[in-house]
Amino acid sequence: MRGNECPCPLKSTVPTEDFLPAYDFGGGMRLVHDPDGAAHPLATEVEYAESILEQGRGLMFRSSIPDDYALVFPFDHASRQFIHMLFVRFPLDVLWLVDEEVQAVDTLQPWRSIGYATADTVIELPGGAASDVSEGDTVRLE
């Protein structure tokens, strides 16, 4: 073995584009914004972060997400929920919901932002995707 070569087979198993493998969204679920009784789609590729590991990882280490993507963090009850942008490479719009009602909306910048609000559901979207969403609006999964 020469220099800093690794004798283990791990080198070939690490994904090259992202730290995390691509997800299969499975289809069918969409996120809609319903401010006035007429539902408007916010995302058609919806992923859930339900486990502690999935919630802790969030969108860290990914190089990008699709324009019509949402990552949903469901919680057992409404409480203060924090979102950080450490190791997130792109801006995100974040919605904090209680019973499908928007409590807060924020655009968080890569690497340096932190956001928090009371919520039973937190939703991360590509930056700019929630530009028409306001506090008090209804956002739901269908």
C-alpha atoms as a PDB file:
ATOM      1  CA  MET A   1       0.000   0.000   0.000  1.00  0.00           C
ATOM      2  CA  ARG A   2       1.289   3.456  -0.939  1.00  0.00           C
ATOM      3  CA  GLY A   3       0.793   6.797   0.842  1.00  0.00           C
ATOM      4  CA  ASN A   4      -2.750   7.382   2.020  1.00  0.00           C
ATOM      5  CA  GLU A   5      -4.521   4.642   0.064  1.00  0.00           C
ATOM      6  CA  CYS A   6      -7.406   3.033   1.908  1.00  0.00           C
ATOM      7  CA  PRO A   7      -7.345  -0.789   2.041  1.00  0.00           C
ATOM      8  CA  CYS A   8     -11.111  -0.904   2.708  1.00  0.00           C
ATOM      9  CA  PRO A   9     -13.878  -1.185   0.066  1.00  0.00           C
ATOM     10  CA  LEU A  10     -15.804   1.883   1.349  1.00  0.00           C
ATOM     11  CA  LYS A  11     -14.523   4.150  -1.402  1.00  0.00           C
ATOM     12  CA  SER A  12     -16.725   2.512  -4.052  1.00  0.00           C
ATOM     13  CA  THR A  13     -19.903   2.533  -1.928  1.00  0.00           C
ATOM     14  CA  VAL A  14     -20.088   6.288  -1.248  1.00  0.00           C
ATOM     15  CA  PRO A  15     -22.484   8.132  -3.620  1.00  0.00           C
ATOM     16  CA  THR A  16     -20.647  10.602  -5.832  1.00  0.00           C
ATOM     17  CA  GLU A  17     -23.254  13.347  -6.395  1.00  0.00           C
ATOM     18  CA  ASP A  18     -24.629  13.688  -2.868  1.00  0.00           C
ATOM     19  CA  PHE A  19     -23.679  12.374   0.519  1.00  0.00           C
ATOM     20  CA  LEU A  20     -27.148  10.806   0.696  1.00  0.00           C
ATOM     21  CA  PRO A  21     -28.695   8.523  -1.940  1.00  0.00           C
ATOM     22  CA  ALA A  22     -31.613   9.671  -4.068  1.00  0.00           C
ATOM     23  CA  TYR A  23     -35.078   9.076  -2.688  1.00  0.00           C
ATOM     24  CA  ASP A  24     -38.013   7.340  -4.332  1.00  0.00           C
ATOM     25  CA  PHE A  25     -40.941   9.646  -3.608  1.00  0.00           C
ATOM     26  CA  GLY A  26     -43.552   7.003  -4.409  1.00  0.00           C
ATOM     27  CA  GLY A  27     -45.989   9.531  -5.886  1.00  0.00           C
ATOM     28  CA  GLY A  28     -49.538  10.278  -4.939  1.00  0.00           C
ATOM     29  CA  MET A  29     -49.044  12.756  -2.083  1.00  0.00           C
ATOM     30  CA  ARG A  30     -48.979  16.507  -2.675  1.00  0.00           C
ATOM     31  CA  LEU A  31     -48.781  19.621  -0.537  1.00  0.00           C
ATOM     32  CA  VAL A  32     -51.372  22.325  -1.233  1.00  0.00           C
ATOM     33  CA  HIS A  33     -51.786  25.945  -0.157  1.00  0.00           C
ATOM     34  CA  ASP A  34     -55.430  26.861   0.430  1.00  0.00           C
ATOM     35  CA  PRO A  35     -55.679  30.545   1.417  1.00  0.00           C
ATOM     36  CA  ASP A  36     -59.099  31.210  -0.104  1.00  0.00           C
ATOM     37  CA  GLY A  37     -60.883  27.886  -0.631  1.00  0.00           C
ATOM     38  CA  ALA A  38     -59.078  27.153  -3.918  1.00  0.00           C
ATOM     39  CA  ALA A  39     -56.153  24.774  -3.370  1.00  0.00           C
ATOM     40  CA  HIS A  40     -52.886  25.611  -5.155  1.00  0.00           C
ATOM     41  CA  PRO A  41     -50.122  22.954  -5.256  1.00  0.00           C
ATOM     42  CA  LEU A  42     -46.898  23.835  -3.462  1.00  0.00           C
ATOM     43  CA  ALA A  43     -45.199  20.459  -3.972  1.00  0.00           C
ATOM     44  CA  THR A  44     -45.904  17.146  -5.675  1.00  0.00           C
ATOM     45  CA  GLU A  45     -42.770  15.321  -4.468  1.00  0.00           C
ATOM     46  CA  VAL A  46     -43.347  14.951  -0.724  1.00  0.00           C
ATOM     47  CA  GLU A  47     -40.971  13.172   1.638  1.00  0.00           C
ATOM     48  CA  TYR A  48     -41.510  12.558   5.362  1.00  0.00           C
ATOM     49  CA  ALA A  49     -38.822  12.864   8.031  1.00  0.00           C
ATOM     50  CA  GLU A  50     -40.375  10.771  10.804  1.00  0.00           C
ATOM     51  CA  SER A  51     -37.496   9.133  12.665  1.00  0.00           C
ATOM     52  CA  ILE A  52     -35.068  11.011  14.901  1.00  0.00           C
ATOM     53  CA  LEU A  53     -32.297  10.301  12.371  1.00  0.00           C
ATOM     54  CA  GLU A  54     -34.343  11.565   9.403  1.00  0.00           C
ATOM     55  CA  GLN A  55     -35.370  14.687  11.295  1.00  0.00           C
ATOM     56  CA  GLY A  56     -31.822  15.375  12.457  1.00  0.00           C
ATOM     57  CA  ARG A  57     -30.421  14.939   8.958  1.00  0.00           C
ATOM     58  CA  GLY A  58     -33.129  16.911   7.151  1.00  0.00           C
ATOM     59  CA  LEU A  59     -31.697  18.227   3.892  1.00  0.00           C
ATOM     60  CA  MET A  60     -28.066  18.353   5.016  1.00  0.00           C
ATOM     61  CA  PHE A  61     -25.443  17.251   2.494  1.00  0.00           C
ATOM     62  CA  ARG A  62     -27.764  17.278  -0.537  1.00  0.00           C
ATOM     63  CA  SER A  63     -26.602  19.358  -3.489  1.00  0.00           C
ATOM     64  CA  SER A  64     -30.147  20.284  -4.570  1.00  0.00           C
ATOM     65  CA  ILE A  65     -33.837  19.386  -4.390  1.00  0.00           C
ATOM     66  CA  PRO A  66     -36.509  19.463  -7.120  1.00  0.00           C
ATOM     67  CA  ASP A  67     -38.576  22.645  -7.546  1.00  0.00           C
ATOM     68  CA  ASP A  68     -41.782  20.811  -6.573  1.00  0.00           C
ATOM     69  CA  TYR A  69     -40.315  19.107  -3.473  1.00  0.00           C
ATOM     70  CA  ALA A  70     -41.323  19.275   0.204  1.00  0.00           C
ATOM     71  CA  LEU A  71     -39.793  17.650   3.273  1.00  0.00           C
ATOM     72  CA  VAL A  72     -42.407  17.242   6.026  1.00  0.00           C
ATOM     73  CA  PHE A  73     -41.475  16.908   9.719  1.00  0.00           C
ATOM     74  CA  PRO A  74     -44.513  15.623  11.668  1.00  0.00           C
ATOM     75  CA  PHE A  75     -44.454  15.907  15.477  1.00  0.00           C
ATOM     76  CA  ASP A  76     -46.735  14.381  18.130  1.00  0.00           C
ATOM     77  CA  HIS A  77     -47.877  17.742  19.483  1.00  0.00           C
ATOM     78  CA  ALA A  78     -47.324  21.461  18.968  1.00  0.00           C
ATOM     79  CA  SER A  79     -44.144  22.749  20.605  1.00  0.00           C
ATOM     80  CA  ARG A  80     -41.237  25.008  19.679  1.00  0.00           C
ATOM     81  CA  GLN A  81     -39.438  23.440  16.693  1.00  0.00           C
ATOM     82  CA  PHE A  82     -35.980  24.582  15.556  1.00  0.00           C
ATOM     83  CA  ILE A  83     -34.569  24.326  12.025  1.00  0.00           C
ATOM     84  CA  HIS A  84     -30.881  24.942  11.283  1.00  0.00           C
ATOM     85  CA  MET A  85     -29.136  25.333   7.943  1.00  0.00           C
ATOM     86  CA  LEU A  86     -25.752  23.855   8.836  1.00  0.00           C
ATOM     87  CA  PHE A  87     -24.560  21.745   5.866  1.00  0.00           C
ATOM     88  CA  VAL A  88     -27.597  22.774   3.772  1.00  0.00           C
ATOM     89  CA  ARG A  89     -26.292  24.140   0.455  1.00  0.00           C
ATOM     90  CA  PHE A  90     -29.342  26.066  -0.846  1.00  0.00           C
ATOM     91  CA  PRO A  91     -31.999  28.441   0.554  1.00  0.00           C
ATOM     92  CA  LEU A  92     -35.204  26.989   1.969  1.00  0.00           C
ATOM     93  CA  ASP A  93     -38.668  28.322   2.675  1.00  0.00           C
ATOM     94  CA  VAL A  94     -39.841  26.870   5.977  1.00  0.00           C
ATOM     95  CA  LEU A  95     -43.453  26.669   7.166  1.00  0.00           C
ATOM     96  CA  TRP A  96     -44.435  26.016  10.784  1.00  0.00           C
ATOM     97  CA  LEU A  97     -48.003  24.641  11.063  1.00  0.00           C
ATOM     98  CA  VAL A  98     -50.424  23.800  13.858  1.00  0.00           C
ATOM     99  CA  ASP A  99     -53.439  21.780  12.675  1.00  0.00           C
ATOM    100  CA  GLU A 100     -52.713  22.792   9.028  1.00  0.00           C
ATOM    101  CA  GLU A 101     -52.728  26.529   9.879  1.00  0.00           C
ATOM    102  CA  VAL A 102     -49.519  28.422   9.080  1.00  0.00           C
ATOM    103  CA  GLN A 103     -48.006  29.889  12.260  1.00  0.00           C
ATOM    104  CA  ALA A 104     -44.807  31.233  10.678  1.00  0.00           C
ATOM    105  CA  VAL A 105     -43.068  31.426   7.292  1.00  0.00           C
ATOM    106  CA  ASP A 106     -39.364  32.110   6.865  1.00  0.00           C
ATOM    107  CA  THR A 107     -36.727  31.930   4.134  1.00  0.00           C
ATOM    108  CA  LEU A 108     -33.523  30.492   5.570  1.00  0.00           C
ATOM    109  CA  GLN A 109     -30.152  31.001   3.912  1.00  0.00           C
ATOM    110  CA  PRO A 110     -27.611  28.194   3.380  1.00  0.00           C
ATOM    111  CA  TRP A 111     -25.123  27.395   6.130  1.00  0.00           C
ATOM    112  CA  ARG A 112     -25.944  30.286   8.476  1.00  0.00           C
ATOM    113  CA  SER A 113     -29.642  30.533   9.337  1.00  0.00           C
ATOM    114  CA  ILE A 114     -31.696  29.248  12.249  1.00  0.00           C
ATOM    115  CA  GLY A 115     -35.477  29.420  12.473  1.00  0.00           C
ATOM    116  CA  TYR A 116     -37.989  28.420  15.104  1.00  0.00           C
ATOM    117  CA  ALA A 117     -41.681  28.657  15.919  1.00  0.00           C
ATOM    118  CA  THR A 118     -44.380  26.593  17.585  1.00  0.00           C
ATOM    119  CA  ALA A 119     -45.603  23.793  15.318  1.00  0.00           C
ATOM    120  CA  ASP A 120     -46.920  20.250  15.124  1.00  0.00           C
ATOM    121  CA  THR A 121     -45.656  20.077  11.513  1.00  0.00           C
ATOM    122  CA  VAL A 122     -42.665  21.779   9.885  1.00  0.00           C
ATOM    123  CA  ILE A 123     -42.298  21.823   6.103  1.00  0.00           C
ATOM    124  CA  GLU A 124     -39.149  22.644   4.129  1.00  0.00           C
ATOM    125  CA  LEU A 125     -39.525  23.806   0.515  1.00  0.00           C
ATOM    126  CA  PRO A 126     -37.100  25.198  -2.074  1.00  0.00           C
ATOM    127  CA  GLY A 127     -36.338  28.883  -1.499  1.00  0.00           C
ATOM    128  CA  GLY A 128     -39.092  31.033  -3.043  1.00  0.00           C
ATOM    129  CA  ALA A 129     -41.675  28.233  -3.235  1.00  0.00           C
ATOM    130  CA  ALA A 130     -43.707  29.652  -0.337  1.00  0.00           C
ATOM    131  CA  SER A 131     -43.582  33.305  -1.411  1.00  0.00           C
ATOM    132  CA  ASP A 132     -47.404  33.497  -1.514  1.00  0.00           C
ATOM    133  CA  VAL A 133     -47.945  31.740   1.838  1.00  0.00           C
ATOM    134  CA  SER A 134     -48.834  33.896   4.860  1.00  0.00           C
ATOM    135  CA  GLU A 135     -49.486  33.335   8.548  1.00  0.00           C
ATOM    136  CA  GLY A 136     -53.048  32.119   9.056  1.00  0.00           C
ATOM    137  CA  ASP A 137     -53.239  30.375   5.652  1.00  0.00           C
ATOM    138  CA  THR A 138     -54.096  26.686   5.379  1.00  0.00           C
ATOM    139  CA  VAL A 139     -51.454  24.285   4.038  1.00  0.00           C
ATOM    140  CA  ARG A 140     -52.312  20.590   3.902  1.00  0.00           C
ATOM    141  CA  LEU A 141     -51.268  17.251   2.452  1.00  0.00           C
ATOM    142  CA  GLU A 142     -53.609  15.498   0.010  1.00  0.00           C
END
